[in-house]
Amino acid sequence: MTVDYGSDFAGITDLDPALTVVDGLLAFAQSLARRLVQPAGGLTDDPTYGYDIRLELGSTTPVARIQQKAAAELRKDERVDQVSVVAERIGETIELTIGVEPSNGDPPFAFVFDVSKLTVELILSH
């Protein structure tokens, strides 16, 4: 069963300047990634939304704790049934490999989310 994940403007930390619209799994993955760069309590209409992983750059937080915090944040999305997160520090970058089982019965998918002081990049793999 395939469910429409809707559409949204492309972007994770900011809107795509061309106002590109994305849909499907890419829109869903970007929505999940935005949860991981939003400061906790940063949304006035949802004070429980967000875990800004960028705050972990240069920290001594154990990778296992980063994985737990990221997974807990992603589970808050009602479209997520199961999620797995593997975090790795690579120099000044934190790389998250995220596996998602959608709650709608769609096949699982994965994406890689790299966060550094200068960039945030999402790579979707089906």
C-alpha atoms as a PDB file:
ATOM      1  CA  MET A   1       0.000   0.000   0.000  1.00  0.00           C
ATOM      2  CA  THR A   2       1.401   3.396  -0.925  1.00  0.00           C
ATOM      3  CA  VAL A   3       0.158   6.497   0.819  1.00  0.00           C
ATOM      4  CA  ASP A   4       0.755  10.020  -0.362  1.00  0.00           C
ATOM      5  CA  TYR A   5       3.172  11.716   2.024  1.00  0.00           C
ATOM      6  CA  GLY A   6       2.103  15.088   0.721  1.00  0.00           C
ATOM      7  CA  SER A   7       4.328  17.793  -0.641  1.00  0.00           C
ATOM      8  CA  ASP A   8       6.322  20.659   0.788  1.00  0.00           C
ATOM      9  CA  PHE A   9       8.942  23.165  -0.222  1.00  0.00           C
ATOM     10  CA  ALA A  10      12.396  21.592  -0.428  1.00  0.00           C
ATOM     11  CA  GLY A  11      14.842  22.320   2.336  1.00  0.00           C
ATOM     12  CA  ILE A  12      15.925  21.258   5.772  1.00  0.00           C
ATOM     13  CA  THR A  13      17.465  24.277   7.487  1.00  0.00           C
ATOM     14  CA  ASP A  14      15.959  26.835   5.106  1.00  0.00           C
ATOM     15  CA  LEU A  15      13.760  26.996   2.041  1.00  0.00           C
ATOM     16  CA  ASP A  16      15.256  26.127  -1.313  1.00  0.00           C
ATOM     17  CA  PRO A  17      15.790  29.543  -2.984  1.00  0.00           C
ATOM     18  CA  ALA A  18      14.112  28.231  -6.153  1.00  0.00           C
ATOM     19  CA  LEU A  19      11.069  27.219  -4.049  1.00  0.00           C
ATOM     20  CA  THR A  20      11.304  23.684  -5.399  1.00  0.00           C
ATOM     21  CA  VAL A  21       8.459  21.458  -4.257  1.00  0.00           C
ATOM     22  CA  VAL A  22       9.215  17.890  -3.153  1.00  0.00           C
ATOM     23  CA  ASP A  23       6.795  15.061  -2.479  1.00  0.00           C
ATOM     24  CA  GLY A  24       6.705  11.387  -1.560  1.00  0.00           C
ATOM     25  CA  LEU A  25       9.517   9.852   0.451  1.00  0.00           C
ATOM     26  CA  LEU A  26      11.795  12.833  -0.120  1.00  0.00           C
ATOM     27  CA  ALA A  27       9.255  15.176   1.487  1.00  0.00           C
ATOM     28  CA  PHE A  28       8.847  12.715   4.373  1.00  0.00           C
ATOM     29  CA  ALA A  29      12.615  12.303   4.866  1.00  0.00           C
ATOM     30  CA  GLN A  30      13.185  16.065   4.785  1.00  0.00           C
ATOM     31  CA  SER A  31      10.418  16.519   7.335  1.00  0.00           C
ATOM     32  CA  LEU A  32      12.118  14.011   9.630  1.00  0.00           C
ATOM     33  CA  ALA A  33      15.515  15.653   9.084  1.00  0.00           C
ATOM     34  CA  ARG A  34      14.059  19.055  10.042  1.00  0.00           C
ATOM     35  CA  ARG A  35      13.193  17.578  13.450  1.00  0.00           C
ATOM     36  CA  LEU A  36      16.918  16.966  13.952  1.00  0.00           C
ATOM     37  CA  VAL A  37      18.013  20.558  13.339  1.00  0.00           C
ATOM     38  CA  GLN A  38      15.223  22.317  15.232  1.00  0.00           C
ATOM     39  CA  PRO A  39      16.062  23.460  18.757  1.00  0.00           C
ATOM     40  CA  ALA A  40      13.892  21.730  21.359  1.00  0.00           C
ATOM     41  CA  GLY A  41      10.961  23.962  22.180  1.00  0.00           C
ATOM     42  CA  GLY A  42      11.668  26.186  19.180  1.00  0.00           C
ATOM     43  CA  LEU A  43       8.158  25.870  17.735  1.00  0.00           C
ATOM     44  CA  THR A  44       5.580  27.906  19.622  1.00  0.00           C
ATOM     45  CA  ASP A  45       2.731  25.598  18.607  1.00  0.00           C
ATOM     46  CA  ASP A  46       4.620  22.388  19.578  1.00  0.00           C
ATOM     47  CA  PRO A  47       7.065  22.832  22.475  1.00  0.00           C
ATOM     48  CA  THR A  48       8.049  19.122  22.380  1.00  0.00           C
ATOM     49  CA  TYR A  49       9.233  19.275  18.738  1.00  0.00           C
ATOM     50  CA  GLY A  50      12.921  19.200  17.915  1.00  0.00           C
ATOM     51  CA  TYR A  51      16.384  18.002  18.824  1.00  0.00           C
ATOM     52  CA  ASP A  52      19.119  20.156  17.330  1.00  0.00           C
ATOM     53  CA  ILE A  53      21.901  17.677  16.623  1.00  0.00           C
ATOM     54  CA  ARG A  54      24.160  20.567  15.601  1.00  0.00           C
ATOM     55  CA  LEU A  55      24.574  21.275  19.325  1.00  0.00           C
ATOM     56  CA  GLU A  56      26.376  17.916  19.582  1.00  0.00           C
ATOM     57  CA  LEU A  57      29.128  19.008  17.177  1.00  0.00           C
ATOM     58  CA  GLY A  58      32.317  19.239  19.211  1.00  0.00           C
ATOM     59  CA  SER A  59      30.598  17.872  22.316  1.00  0.00           C
ATOM     60  CA  THR A  60      31.624  14.826  24.300  1.00  0.00           C
ATOM     61  CA  THR A  61      28.115  13.336  24.221  1.00  0.00           C
ATOM     62  CA  PRO A  62      28.479   9.586  23.622  1.00  0.00           C
ATOM     63  CA  VAL A  63      27.365   8.430  20.179  1.00  0.00           C
ATOM     64  CA  ALA A  64      24.918   6.001  21.791  1.00  0.00           C
ATOM     65  CA  ARG A  65      23.175   8.920  23.529  1.00  0.00           C
ATOM     66  CA  ILE A  66      22.962  10.875  20.250  1.00  0.00           C
ATOM     67  CA  GLN A  67      21.393   7.813  18.612  1.00  0.00           C
ATOM     68  CA  GLN A  68      18.834   7.509  21.423  1.00  0.00           C
ATOM     69  CA  LYS A  69      17.903  11.189  21.349  1.00  0.00           C
ATOM     70  CA  ALA A  70      17.570  11.266  17.552  1.00  0.00           C
ATOM     71  CA  ALA A  71      15.452   8.094  17.473  1.00  0.00           C
ATOM     72  CA  ALA A  72      13.191   9.404  20.242  1.00  0.00           C
ATOM     73  CA  GLU A  73      12.633  12.619  18.304  1.00  0.00           C
ATOM     74  CA  LEU A  74      11.841  10.810  15.051  1.00  0.00           C
ATOM     75  CA  ARG A  75       9.346   8.495  16.800  1.00  0.00           C
ATOM     76  CA  LYS A  76       7.258  11.577  17.650  1.00  0.00           C
ATOM     77  CA  ASP A  77       6.180  11.768  13.991  1.00  0.00           C
ATOM     78  CA  GLU A  78       2.896   9.881  13.698  1.00  0.00           C
ATOM     79  CA  ARG A  79       3.930   8.551  10.274  1.00  0.00           C
ATOM     80  CA  VAL A  80       6.790   6.571  11.872  1.00  0.00           C
ATOM     81  CA  ASP A  81       6.128   3.066  13.185  1.00  0.00           C
ATOM     82  CA  GLN A  82       9.727   1.964  13.831  1.00  0.00           C
ATOM     83  CA  VAL A  83      13.004   3.823  13.479  1.00  0.00           C
ATOM     84  CA  SER A  84      16.647   2.924  13.867  1.00  0.00           C
ATOM     85  CA  VAL A  85      19.504   5.392  14.096  1.00  0.00           C
ATOM     86  CA  VAL A  86      23.216   4.698  13.824  1.00  0.00           C
ATOM     87  CA  ALA A  87      25.407   7.714  14.565  1.00  0.00           C
ATOM     88  CA  GLU A  88      29.069   8.119  13.743  1.00  0.00           C
ATOM     89  CA  ARG A  89      31.464  10.990  14.326  1.00  0.00           C
ATOM     90  CA  ILE A  90      33.614  11.591  11.268  1.00  0.00           C
ATOM     91  CA  GLY A  91      35.978  14.465  11.970  1.00  0.00           C
ATOM     92  CA  GLU A  92      33.831  17.541  12.523  1.00  0.00           C
ATOM     93  CA  THR A  93      30.734  15.810  11.109  1.00  0.00           C
ATOM     94  CA  ILE A  94      28.068  13.664  12.703  1.00  0.00           C
ATOM     95  CA  GLU A  95      26.645  11.139  10.264  1.00  0.00           C
ATOM     96  CA  LEU A  96      23.320   9.501  11.044  1.00  0.00           C
ATOM     97  CA  THR A  97      22.123   6.472   9.117  1.00  0.00           C
ATOM     98  CA  ILE A  98      18.390   6.340   9.692  1.00  0.00           C
ATOM     99  CA  GLY A  99      16.060   3.455   8.896  1.00  0.00           C
ATOM    100  CA  VAL A 100      12.324   4.136   8.945  1.00  0.00           C
ATOM    101  CA  GLU A 101       9.343   1.809   8.885  1.00  0.00           C
ATOM    102  CA  PRO A 102       6.329   3.970   8.010  1.00  0.00           C
ATOM    103  CA  SER A 103       3.176   3.449  10.058  1.00  0.00           C
ATOM    104  CA  ASN A 104       1.075   3.187   6.892  1.00  0.00           C
ATOM    105  CA  GLY A 105       2.496  -0.194   5.866  1.00  0.00           C
ATOM    106  CA  ASP A 106       4.742   1.172   3.108  1.00  0.00           C
ATOM    107  CA  PRO A 107       8.111  -0.552   2.705  1.00  0.00           C
ATOM    108  CA  PRO A 108      10.916   0.611   5.006  1.00  0.00           C
ATOM    109  CA  PHE A 109      13.353   3.176   3.668  1.00  0.00           C
ATOM    110  CA  ALA A 110      16.636   4.651   4.790  1.00  0.00           C
ATOM    111  CA  PHE A 111      18.519   7.889   4.532  1.00  0.00           C
ATOM    112  CA  VAL A 112      21.855   9.275   5.592  1.00  0.00           C
ATOM    113  CA  PHE A 113      21.936  12.628   7.334  1.00  0.00           C
ATOM    114  CA  ASP A 114      25.288  14.417   7.620  1.00  0.00           C
ATOM    115  CA  VAL A 115      25.593  17.442   9.872  1.00  0.00           C
ATOM    116  CA  SER A 116      28.655  19.676  10.140  1.00  0.00           C
ATOM    117  CA  LYS A 117      29.272  23.253  11.241  1.00  0.00           C
ATOM    118  CA  LEU A 118      28.799  24.403   7.645  1.00  0.00           C
ATOM    119  CA  THR A 119      26.381  21.990   6.007  1.00  0.00           C
ATOM    120  CA  VAL A 120      23.429  19.707   6.482  1.00  0.00           C
ATOM    121  CA  GLU A 121      22.974  17.021   3.822  1.00  0.00           C
ATOM    122  CA  LEU A 122      20.364  14.326   3.338  1.00  0.00           C
ATOM    123  CA  ILE A 123      20.907  11.335   1.052  1.00  0.00           C
ATOM    124  CA  LEU A 124      17.780   9.235   0.502  1.00  0.00           C
ATOM    125  CA  SER A 125      18.151   5.548  -0.369  1.00  0.00           C
ATOM    126  CA  HIS A 126      15.127   3.376  -1.114  1.00  0.00           C
END
